[in-house]
Amino acid sequence: ALGADAVLVSERCADPLYRRSVKVSTGTVLQVPWTR
């Protein structure tokens, strides 16, 4: 929503693609580029 180009997550960070993460994000985890 606020213009970040990408998200970086640490190895021990919770999974962005876990069902609750995807749901709370309203699917935006599927459009914002990210990696670990």
Full PDB file with SEQRES, HELIX, SHEET, SSBOND, CRYST1, ORIGX, SCALE, CONECT and MASTER records, all heavy atoms in Angstrom:
SEQRES   1 A   36  ALA LEU GLY ALA ASP ALA VAL LEU VAL SER GLU ARG CYS          
SEQRES   2 A   36  ALA ASP PRO LEU TYR ARG ARG SER VAL LYS VAL SER THR          
SEQRES   3 A   36  GLY THR VAL LEU GLN VAL PRO TRP THR ARG                      
HELIX    1 AA1 ARG A   19  VAL A   24  1                                   6    
HELIX    2 AA2 THR A   28  LEU A   30  5                                   3    
SHEET    1 AA1 2 VAL A   7  LEU A   8  0                                        
SHEET    2 AA1 2 TRP A  34  THR A  35  1                                        
CRYST1    1.000    1.000    1.000  90.00  90.00  90.00 P 1           1          
ORIGX1      1.000000  0.000000  0.000000        0.00000                         
ORIGX2      0.000000  1.000000  0.000000        0.00000                         
ORIGX3      0.000000  0.000000  1.000000        0.00000                         
SCALE1      1.000000  0.000000  0.000000        0.00000                         
SCALE2      0.000000  1.000000  0.000000        0.00000                         
SCALE3      0.000000  0.000000  1.000000        0.00000                         
ATOM      1  N   ALA A   1       0.808  -1.220   0.000  1.00  0.00           N  
ATOM      2  CA  ALA A   1       0.000   0.000   0.000  1.00  0.00           C  
ATOM      3  C   ALA A   1       0.839   1.267   0.000  1.00  0.00           C  
ATOM      4  O   ALA A   1       0.408   2.307  -0.526  1.00  0.00           O  
ATOM      5  CB  ALA A   1      -0.930   0.001   1.207  1.00  0.00           C  
ATOM      6  N   LEU A   2       2.044   1.191   0.577  1.00  0.00           N  
ATOM      7  CA  LEU A   2       2.819   2.405   0.820  1.00  0.00           C  
ATOM      8  C   LEU A   2       4.130   2.443   0.049  1.00  0.00           C  
ATOM      9  O   LEU A   2       5.049   3.175   0.401  1.00  0.00           O  
ATOM     10  CB  LEU A   2       3.060   2.564   2.331  1.00  0.00           C  
ATOM     11  CG  LEU A   2       1.761   2.753   3.137  1.00  0.00           C  
ATOM     12  CD1 LEU A   2       2.011   2.578   4.618  1.00  0.00           C  
ATOM     13  CD2 LEU A   2       1.154   4.118   2.853  1.00  0.00           C  
ATOM     14  N   GLY A   3       4.226   1.656  -0.998  1.00  0.00           N  
ATOM     15  CA  GLY A   3       5.279   1.875  -1.978  1.00  0.00           C  
ATOM     16  C   GLY A   3       6.598   1.196  -1.765  1.00  0.00           C  
ATOM     17  O   GLY A   3       7.591   1.595  -2.389  1.00  0.00           O  
ATOM     18  N   ALA A   4       6.687   0.166  -0.914  1.00  0.00           N  
ATOM     19  CA  ALA A   4       7.944  -0.569  -0.823  1.00  0.00           C  
ATOM     20  C   ALA A   4       8.116  -1.421  -2.081  1.00  0.00           C  
ATOM     21  O   ALA A   4       7.163  -1.984  -2.606  1.00  0.00           O  
ATOM     22  CB  ALA A   4       7.962  -1.456   0.417  1.00  0.00           C  
ATOM     23  N   ASP A   5       9.339  -1.505  -2.548  1.00  0.00           N  
ATOM     24  CA  ASP A   5       9.611  -2.257  -3.769  1.00  0.00           C  
ATOM     25  C   ASP A   5       9.797  -3.741  -3.514  1.00  0.00           C  
ATOM     26  O   ASP A   5       9.600  -4.562  -4.420  1.00  0.00           O  
ATOM     27  CB  ASP A   5      10.871  -1.706  -4.449  1.00  0.00           C  
ATOM     28  CG  ASP A   5      10.736  -0.238  -4.797  1.00  0.00           C  
ATOM     29  OD1 ASP A   5       9.786   0.100  -5.519  1.00  0.00           O  
ATOM     30  OD2 ASP A   5      11.568   0.571  -4.328  1.00  0.00           O  
ATOM     31  N   ALA A   6      10.204  -4.091  -2.310  1.00  0.00           N  
ATOM     32  CA  ALA A   6      10.469  -5.499  -2.000  1.00  0.00           C  
ATOM     33  C   ALA A   6      10.537  -5.674  -0.490  1.00  0.00           C  
ATOM     34  O   ALA A   6      10.704  -4.703   0.262  1.00  0.00           O  
ATOM     35  CB  ALA A   6      11.774  -5.964  -2.642  1.00  0.00           C  
ATOM     36  N   VAL A   7      10.425  -6.943  -0.056  1.00  0.00           N  
ATOM     37  CA  VAL A   7      10.542  -7.296   1.359  1.00  0.00           C  
ATOM     38  C   VAL A   7      11.571  -8.407   1.478  1.00  0.00           C  
ATOM     39  O   VAL A   7      11.559  -9.368   0.700  1.00  0.00           O  
ATOM     40  CB  VAL A   7       9.191  -7.776   1.935  1.00  0.00           C  
ATOM     41  CG1 VAL A   7       9.346  -8.176   3.399  1.00  0.00           C  
ATOM     42  CG2 VAL A   7       8.124  -6.691   1.792  1.00  0.00           C  
ATOM     43  N   LEU A   8      12.459  -8.268   2.458  1.00  0.00           N  
ATOM     44  CA  LEU A   8      13.457  -9.298   2.750  1.00  0.00           C  
ATOM     45  C   LEU A   8      13.127  -9.886   4.114  1.00  0.00           C  
ATOM     46  O   LEU A   8      12.864  -9.145   5.066  1.00  0.00           O  
ATOM     47  CB  LEU A   8      14.862  -8.699   2.778  1.00  0.00           C  
ATOM     48  CG  LEU A   8      15.280  -7.865   1.555  1.00  0.00           C  
ATOM     49  CD1 LEU A   8      16.690  -7.323   1.748  1.00  0.00           C  
ATOM     50  CD2 LEU A   8      15.182  -8.681   0.281  1.00  0.00           C  
ATOM     51  N   VAL A   9      13.128 -11.210   4.216  1.00  0.00           N  
ATOM     52  CA  VAL A   9      12.803 -11.853   5.487  1.00  0.00           C  
ATOM     53  C   VAL A   9      13.948 -12.772   5.897  1.00  0.00           C  
ATOM     54  O   VAL A   9      14.560 -13.440   5.058  1.00  0.00           O  
ATOM     55  CB  VAL A   9      11.474 -12.631   5.410  1.00  0.00           C  
ATOM     56  CG1 VAL A   9      10.324 -11.696   5.084  1.00  0.00           C  
ATOM     57  CG2 VAL A   9      11.533 -13.753   4.393  1.00  0.00           C  
ATOM     58  N   SER A  10      14.226 -12.800   7.177  1.00  0.00           N  
ATOM     59  CA  SER A  10      15.314 -13.628   7.693  1.00  0.00           C  
ATOM     60  C   SER A  10      14.930 -15.097   7.641  1.00  0.00           C  
ATOM     61  O   SER A  10      13.761 -15.465   7.479  1.00  0.00           O  
ATOM     62  CB  SER A  10      15.665 -13.222   9.124  1.00  0.00           C  
ATOM     63  OG  SER A  10      14.597 -13.561  10.002  1.00  0.00           O  
ATOM     64  N   GLU A  11      15.922 -15.957   7.813  1.00  0.00           N  
ATOM     65  CA  GLU A  11      15.685 -17.399   7.758  1.00  0.00           C  
ATOM     66  C   GLU A  11      14.682 -17.857   8.815  1.00  0.00           C  
ATOM     67  O   GLU A  11      13.903 -18.786   8.593  1.00  0.00           O  
ATOM     68  CB  GLU A  11      17.009 -18.163   7.948  1.00  0.00           C  
ATOM     69  CG  GLU A  11      17.935 -18.101   6.745  1.00  0.00           C  
ATOM     70  CD  GLU A  11      17.445 -18.968   5.586  1.00  0.00           C  
ATOM     71  OE1 GLU A  11      16.447 -19.695   5.757  1.00  0.00           O  
ATOM     72  OE2 GLU A  11      18.057 -18.918   4.513  1.00  0.00           O  
ATOM     73  N   ARG A  12      14.687 -17.210   9.985  1.00  0.00           N  
ATOM     74  CA  ARG A  12      13.817 -17.644  11.079  1.00  0.00           C  
ATOM     75  C   ARG A  12      12.498 -16.881  11.121  1.00  0.00           C  
ATOM     76  O   ARG A  12      11.682 -17.099  12.024  1.00  0.00           O  
ATOM     77  CB  ARG A  12      14.544 -17.517  12.418  1.00  0.00           C  
ATOM     78  CG  ARG A  12      15.742 -18.455  12.540  1.00  0.00           C  
ATOM     79  CD  ARG A  12      16.287 -18.490  13.956  1.00  0.00           C  
ATOM     80  NE  ARG A  12      16.791 -17.177  14.382  1.00  0.00           N  
ATOM     81  CZ  ARG A  12      17.266 -16.908  15.578  1.00  0.00           C  
ATOM     82  NH1 ARG A  12      17.297 -17.858  16.498  1.00  0.00           N  
ATOM     83  NH2 ARG A  12      17.714 -15.701  15.873  1.00  0.00           N  
ATOM     84  N   CYS A  13      12.277 -16.010  10.169  1.00  0.00           N  
ATOM     85  CA  CYS A  13      11.026 -15.250  10.119  1.00  0.00           C  
ATOM     86  C   CYS A  13       9.881 -16.176   9.705  1.00  0.00           C  
ATOM     87  O   CYS A  13      10.063 -17.117   8.926  1.00  0.00           O  
ATOM     88  CB  CYS A  13      11.166 -14.109   9.114  1.00  0.00           C  
ATOM     89  SG  CYS A  13       9.785 -12.942   9.115  1.00  0.00           S  
ATOM     90  N   ALA A  14       8.696 -15.912  10.218  1.00  0.00           N  
ATOM     91  CA  ALA A  14       7.519 -16.700   9.855  1.00  0.00           C  
ATOM     92  C   ALA A  14       7.292 -16.656   8.349  1.00  0.00           C  
ATOM     93  O   ALA A  14       7.643 -15.682   7.677  1.00  0.00           O  
ATOM     94  CB  ALA A  14       6.294 -16.152  10.591  1.00  0.00           C  
ATOM     95  N   ASP A  15       6.710 -17.713   7.833  1.00  0.00           N  
ATOM     96  CA  ASP A  15       6.531 -17.901   6.395  1.00  0.00           C  
ATOM     97  C   ASP A  15       5.508 -16.916   5.820  1.00  0.00           C  
ATOM     98  O   ASP A  15       4.334 -16.953   6.184  1.00  0.00           O  
ATOM     99  CB  ASP A  15       6.062 -19.339   6.150  1.00  0.00           C  
ATOM    100  CG  ASP A  15       5.898 -19.679   4.683  1.00  0.00           C  
ATOM    101  OD1 ASP A  15       6.338 -18.896   3.832  1.00  0.00           O  
ATOM    102  OD2 ASP A  15       5.338 -20.759   4.402  1.00  0.00           O  
ATOM    103  N   PRO A  16       5.925 -16.041   4.891  1.00  0.00           N  
ATOM    104  CA  PRO A  16       4.953 -15.134   4.263  1.00  0.00           C  
ATOM    105  C   PRO A  16       3.856 -15.861   3.494  1.00  0.00           C  
ATOM    106  O   PRO A  16       2.773 -15.303   3.290  1.00  0.00           O  
ATOM    107  CB  PRO A  16       5.820 -14.290   3.313  1.00  0.00           C  
ATOM    108  CG  PRO A  16       7.178 -14.331   3.912  1.00  0.00           C  
ATOM    109  CD  PRO A  16       7.311 -15.716   4.482  1.00  0.00           C  
ATOM    110  N   LEU A  17       4.105 -17.100   3.075  1.00  0.00           N  
ATOM    111  CA  LEU A  17       3.107 -17.847   2.313  1.00  0.00           C  
ATOM    112  C   LEU A  17       2.292 -18.812   3.175  1.00  0.00           C  
ATOM    113  O   LEU A  17       1.522 -19.614   2.636  1.00  0.00           O  
ATOM    114  CB  LEU A  17       3.772 -18.615   1.161  1.00  0.00           C  
ATOM    115  CG  LEU A  17       4.321 -17.746   0.033  1.00  0.00           C  
ATOM    116  CD1 LEU A  17       4.895 -18.600  -1.078  1.00  0.00           C  
ATOM    117  CD2 LEU A  17       3.250 -16.804  -0.521  1.00  0.00           C  
ATOM    118  N   TYR A  18       2.462 -18.754   4.491  1.00  0.00           N  
ATOM    119  CA  TYR A  18       1.567 -19.523   5.358  1.00  0.00           C  
ATOM    120  C   TYR A  18       0.161 -18.938   5.220  1.00  0.00           C  
ATOM    121  O   TYR A  18      -0.011 -17.728   5.012  1.00  0.00           O  
ATOM    122  CB  TYR A  18       2.041 -19.467   6.810  1.00  0.00           C  
ATOM    123  CG  TYR A  18       1.141 -20.205   7.768  1.00  0.00           C  
ATOM    124  CD1 TYR A  18       0.998 -21.589   7.680  1.00  0.00           C  
ATOM    125  CD2 TYR A  18       0.419 -19.524   8.740  1.00  0.00           C  
ATOM    126  CE1 TYR A  18       0.154 -22.277   8.550  1.00  0.00           C  
ATOM    127  CE2 TYR A  18      -0.420 -20.200   9.611  1.00  0.00           C  
ATOM    128  CZ  TYR A  18      -0.545 -21.574   9.509  1.00  0.00           C  
ATOM    129  OH  TYR A  18      -1.390 -22.247  10.371  1.00  0.00           O  
ATOM    130  N   ARG A  19      -0.853 -19.773   5.357  1.00  0.00           N  
ATOM    131  CA  ARG A  19      -2.235 -19.369   5.081  1.00  0.00           C  
ATOM    132  C   ARG A  19      -2.648 -18.089   5.813  1.00  0.00           C  
ATOM    133  O   ARG A  19      -3.252 -17.187   5.216  1.00  0.00           O  
ATOM    134  CB  ARG A  19      -3.184 -20.510   5.481  1.00  0.00           C  
ATOM    135  CG  ARG A  19      -4.664 -20.206   5.278  1.00  0.00           C  
ATOM    136  CD  ARG A  19      -5.510 -21.387   5.711  1.00  0.00           C  
ATOM    137  NE  ARG A  19      -5.347 -21.697   7.123  1.00  0.00           N  
ATOM    138  CZ  ARG A  19      -6.055 -21.116   8.105  1.00  0.00           C  
ATOM    139  NH1 ARG A  19      -6.955 -20.200   7.818  1.00  0.00           N  
ATOM    140  NH2 ARG A  19      -5.859 -21.453   9.363  1.00  0.00           N  
ATOM    141  N   ARG A  20      -2.309 -17.975   7.090  1.00  0.00           N  
ATOM    142  CA  ARG A  20      -2.711 -16.783   7.846  1.00  0.00           C  
ATOM    143  C   ARG A  20      -2.004 -15.539   7.342  1.00  0.00           C  
ATOM    144  O   ARG A  20      -2.591 -14.450   7.293  1.00  0.00           O  
ATOM    145  CB  ARG A  20      -2.426 -16.998   9.340  1.00  0.00           C  
ATOM    146  CG  ARG A  20      -3.257 -18.067  10.010  1.00  0.00           C  
ATOM    147  CD  ARG A  20      -4.731 -17.720  10.044  1.00  0.00           C  
ATOM    148  NE  ARG A  20      -5.000 -16.500  10.798  1.00  0.00           N  
ATOM    149  CZ  ARG A  20      -5.146 -16.462  12.120  1.00  0.00           C  
ATOM    150  NH1 ARG A  20      -5.042 -17.583  12.823  1.00  0.00           N  
ATOM    151  NH2 ARG A  20      -5.397 -15.337  12.730  1.00  0.00           N  
ATOM    152  N   SER A  21      -0.731 -15.661   6.975  1.00  0.00           N  
ATOM    153  CA  SER A  21      -0.006 -14.515   6.434  1.00  0.00           C  
ATOM    154  C   SER A  21      -0.650 -14.028   5.146  1.00  0.00           C  
ATOM    155  O   SER A  21      -0.861 -12.821   4.948  1.00  0.00           O  
ATOM    156  CB  SER A  21       1.456 -14.884   6.155  1.00  0.00           C  
ATOM    157  OG  SER A  21       2.116 -15.314   7.307  1.00  0.00           O  
ATOM    158  N   VAL A  22      -0.942 -14.972   4.256  1.00  0.00           N  
ATOM    159  CA  VAL A  22      -1.542 -14.617   2.969  1.00  0.00           C  
ATOM    160  C   VAL A  22      -2.902 -13.959   3.186  1.00  0.00           C  
ATOM    161  O   VAL A  22      -3.233 -12.941   2.562  1.00  0.00           O  
ATOM    162  CB  VAL A  22      -1.688 -15.863   2.071  1.00  0.00           C  
ATOM    163  CG1 VAL A  22      -2.379 -15.495   0.761  1.00  0.00           C  
ATOM    164  CG2 VAL A  22      -0.320 -16.470   1.781  1.00  0.00           C  
ATOM    165  N   LYS A  23      -3.698 -14.531   4.093  1.00  0.00           N  
ATOM    166  CA  LYS A  23      -5.043 -14.008   4.350  1.00  0.00           C  
ATOM    167  C   LYS A  23      -4.984 -12.592   4.925  1.00  0.00           C  
ATOM    168  O   LYS A  23      -5.685 -11.688   4.445  1.00  0.00           O  
ATOM    169  CB  LYS A  23      -5.779 -14.943   5.313  1.00  0.00           C  
ATOM    170  CG  LYS A  23      -7.197 -14.498   5.645  1.00  0.00           C  
ATOM    171  CD  LYS A  23      -7.854 -15.483   6.604  1.00  0.00           C  
ATOM    172  CE  LYS A  23      -9.242 -15.024   7.001  1.00  0.00           C  
ATOM    173  NZ  LYS A  23      -9.878 -15.969   7.962  1.00  0.00           N  
ATOM    174  N   VAL A  24      -4.158 -12.383   5.950  1.00  0.00           N  
ATOM    175  CA  VAL A  24      -4.068 -11.063   6.583  1.00  0.00           C  
ATOM    176  C   VAL A  24      -3.542 -10.019   5.600  1.00  0.00           C  
ATOM    177  O   VAL A  24      -3.949  -8.859   5.630  1.00  0.00           O  
ATOM    178  CB  VAL A  24      -3.176 -11.132   7.843  1.00  0.00           C  
ATOM    179  CG1 VAL A  24      -2.854  -9.743   8.367  1.00  0.00           C  
ATOM    180  CG2 VAL A  24      -3.862 -11.949   8.920  1.00  0.00           C  
ATOM    181  N   SER A  25      -2.671 -10.442   4.711  1.00  0.00           N  
ATOM    182  CA  SER A  25      -2.102  -9.506   3.726  1.00  0.00           C  
ATOM    183  C   SER A  25      -3.080  -9.182   2.609  1.00  0.00           C  
ATOM    184  O   SER A  25      -2.775  -8.355   1.755  1.00  0.00           O  
ATOM    185  CB  SER A  25      -0.834 -10.092   3.111  1.00  0.00           C  
ATOM    186  OG  SER A  25      -1.141 -11.037   2.100  1.00  0.00           O  
ATOM    187  N   THR A  26      -4.262  -9.840   2.607  1.00  0.00           N  
ATOM    188  CA  THR A  26      -5.228  -9.777   1.509  1.00  0.00           C  
ATOM    189  C   THR A  26      -4.584 -10.140   0.172  1.00  0.00           C  
ATOM    190  O   THR A  26      -4.924  -9.599  -0.874  1.00  0.00           O  
ATOM    191  CB  THR A  26      -5.926  -8.395   1.406  1.00  0.00           C  
ATOM    192  OG1 THR A  26      -4.964  -7.388   1.100  1.00  0.00           O  
ATOM    193  CG2 THR A  26      -6.648  -8.044   2.692  1.00  0.00           C  
ATOM    194  N   GLY A  27      -3.630 -11.042   0.234  1.00  0.00           N  
ATOM    195  CA  GLY A  27      -2.995 -11.522  -0.990  1.00  0.00           C  
ATOM    196  C   GLY A  27      -1.835 -10.681  -1.479  1.00  0.00           C  
ATOM    197  O   GLY A  27      -1.222 -11.017  -2.497  1.00  0.00           O  
ATOM    198  N   THR A  28      -1.476  -9.611  -0.764  1.00  0.00           N  
ATOM    199  CA  THR A  28      -0.394  -8.759  -1.256  1.00  0.00           C  
ATOM    200  C   THR A  28       0.973  -9.427  -1.149  1.00  0.00           C  
ATOM    201  O   THR A  28       1.916  -8.997  -1.827  1.00  0.00           O  
ATOM    202  CB  THR A  28      -0.368  -7.407  -0.507  1.00  0.00           C  
ATOM    203  OG1 THR A  28      -0.307  -7.642   0.903  1.00  0.00           O  
ATOM    204  CG2 THR A  28      -1.604  -6.588  -0.837  1.00  0.00           C  
ATOM    205  N   VAL A  29       1.096 -10.503  -0.330  1.00  0.00           N  
ATOM    206  CA  VAL A  29       2.364 -11.240  -0.318  1.00  0.00           C  
ATOM    207  C   VAL A  29       2.622 -11.879  -1.678  1.00  0.00           C  
ATOM    208  O   VAL A  29       3.747 -12.286  -1.976  1.00  0.00           O  
ATOM    209  CB  VAL A  29       2.400 -12.334   0.771  1.00  0.00           C  
ATOM    210  CG1 VAL A  29       2.269 -11.732   2.145  1.00  0.00           C  
ATOM    211  CG2 VAL A  29       1.343 -13.390   0.539  1.00  0.00           C  
ATOM    212  N   LEU A  30       1.588 -11.959  -2.501  1.00  0.00           N  
ATOM    213  CA  LEU A  30       1.713 -12.570  -3.820  1.00  0.00           C  
ATOM    214  C   LEU A  30       2.102 -11.548  -4.889  1.00  0.00           C  
ATOM    215  O   LEU A  30       2.403 -11.925  -6.017  1.00  0.00           O  
ATOM    216  CB  LEU A  30       0.389 -13.241  -4.217  1.00  0.00           C  
ATOM    217  CG  LEU A  30      -0.212 -14.162  -3.152  1.00  0.00           C  
ATOM    218  CD1 LEU A  30      -1.590 -14.647  -3.582  1.00  0.00           C  
ATOM    219  CD2 LEU A  30       0.717 -15.329  -2.863  1.00  0.00           C  
ATOM    220  N   GLN A  31       2.078 -10.256  -4.543  1.00  0.00           N  
ATOM    221  CA  GLN A  31       2.403  -9.234  -5.531  1.00  0.00           C  
ATOM    222  C   GLN A  31       3.672  -8.463  -5.190  1.00  0.00           C  
ATOM    223  O   GLN A  31       4.321  -7.914  -6.095  1.00  0.00           O  
ATOM    224  CB  GLN A  31       1.230  -8.261  -5.708  1.00  0.00           C  
ATOM    225  CG  GLN A  31       1.009  -7.309  -4.545  1.00  0.00           C  
ATOM    226  CD  GLN A  31      -0.211  -6.435  -4.726  1.00  0.00           C  
ATOM    227  OE1 GLN A  31      -1.334  -6.922  -4.845  1.00  0.00           O  
ATOM    228  NE2 GLN A  31      -0.003  -5.125  -4.762  1.00  0.00           N  
ATOM    229  N   VAL A  32       4.056  -8.397  -3.921  1.00  0.00           N  
ATOM    230  CA  VAL A  32       5.277  -7.689  -3.538  1.00  0.00           C  
ATOM    231  C   VAL A  32       6.459  -8.660  -3.657  1.00  0.00           C  
ATOM    232  O   VAL A  32       6.450  -9.712  -3.021  1.00  0.00           O  
ATOM    233  CB  VAL A  32       5.189  -7.153  -2.096  1.00  0.00           C  
ATOM    234  CG1 VAL A  32       6.486  -6.447  -1.708  1.00  0.00           C  
ATOM    235  CG2 VAL A  32       4.007  -6.213  -1.951  1.00  0.00           C  
ATOM    236  N   PRO A  33       7.474  -8.338  -4.432  1.00  0.00           N  
ATOM    237  CA  PRO A  33       8.634  -9.237  -4.525  1.00  0.00           C  
ATOM    238  C   PRO A  33       9.280  -9.422  -3.157  1.00  0.00           C  
ATOM    239  O   PRO A  33       9.405  -8.470  -2.384  1.00  0.00           O  
ATOM    240  CB  PRO A  33       9.574  -8.495  -5.485  1.00  0.00           C  
ATOM    241  CG  PRO A  33       8.694  -7.563  -6.247  1.00  0.00           C  
ATOM    242  CD  PRO A  33       7.614  -7.152  -5.303  1.00  0.00           C  
ATOM    243  N   TRP A  34       9.698 -10.658  -2.862  1.00  0.00           N  
ATOM    244  CA  TRP A  34      10.347 -10.926  -1.580  1.00  0.00           C  
ATOM    245  C   TRP A  34      11.271 -12.120  -1.720  1.00  0.00           C  
ATOM    246  O   TRP A  34      11.149 -12.927  -2.627  1.00  0.00           O  
ATOM    247  CB  TRP A  34       9.316 -11.166  -0.475  1.00  0.00           C  
ATOM    248  CG  TRP A  34       8.537 -12.443  -0.592  1.00  0.00           C  
ATOM    249  CD1 TRP A  34       7.419 -12.660  -1.334  1.00  0.00           C  
ATOM    250  CD2 TRP A  34       8.818 -13.687   0.073  1.00  0.00           C  
ATOM    251  NE1 TRP A  34       6.979 -13.953  -1.190  1.00  0.00           N  
ATOM    252  CE2 TRP A  34       7.822 -14.610  -0.330  1.00  0.00           C  
ATOM    253  CE3 TRP A  34       9.807 -14.111   0.974  1.00  0.00           C  
ATOM    254  CZ2 TRP A  34       7.785 -15.932   0.128  1.00  0.00           C  
ATOM    255  CZ3 TRP A  34       9.774 -15.423   1.439  1.00  0.00           C  
ATOM    256  CH2 TRP A  34       8.773 -16.311   1.019  1.00  0.00           C  
ATOM    257  N   THR A  35      12.209 -12.195  -0.775  1.00  0.00           N  
ATOM    258  CA  THR A  35      13.070 -13.363  -0.686  1.00  0.00           C  
ATOM    259  C   THR A  35      13.654 -13.430   0.714  1.00  0.00           C  
ATOM    260  O   THR A  35      13.473 -12.518   1.527  1.00  0.00           O  
ATOM    261  CB  THR A  35      14.179 -13.334  -1.758  1.00  0.00           C  
ATOM    262  OG1 THR A  35      14.741 -14.632  -1.902  1.00  0.00           O  
ATOM    263  CG2 THR A  35      15.290 -12.336  -1.404  1.00  0.00           C  
ATOM    264  N   ARG A  36      14.368 -14.507   0.997  1.00  0.00           N  
ATOM    265  CA  ARG A  36      14.986 -14.686   2.315  1.00  0.00           C  
ATOM    266  C   ARG A  36      16.478 -14.363   2.249  1.00  0.00           C  
ATOM    267  O   ARG A  36      17.104 -14.487   1.195  1.00  0.00           O  
ATOM    268  CB  ARG A  36      14.794 -16.119   2.809  1.00  0.00           C  
ATOM    269  CG  ARG A  36      13.358 -16.436   3.232  1.00  0.00           C  
ATOM    270  CD  ARG A  36      13.294 -17.714   4.040  1.00  0.00           C  
ATOM    271  NE  ARG A  36      11.923 -18.064   4.393  1.00  0.00           N  
ATOM    272  CZ  ARG A  36      11.289 -17.633   5.478  1.00  0.00           C  
ATOM    273  NH1 ARG A  36      11.922 -16.847   6.338  1.00  0.00           N  
ATOM    274  NH2 ARG A  36      10.045 -17.995   5.726  1.00  0.00           N  
TER     275      ARG A  36                                                      
MASTER        0    0    0    2    2    0    0    6  274    1    0    3          
END                                                                             
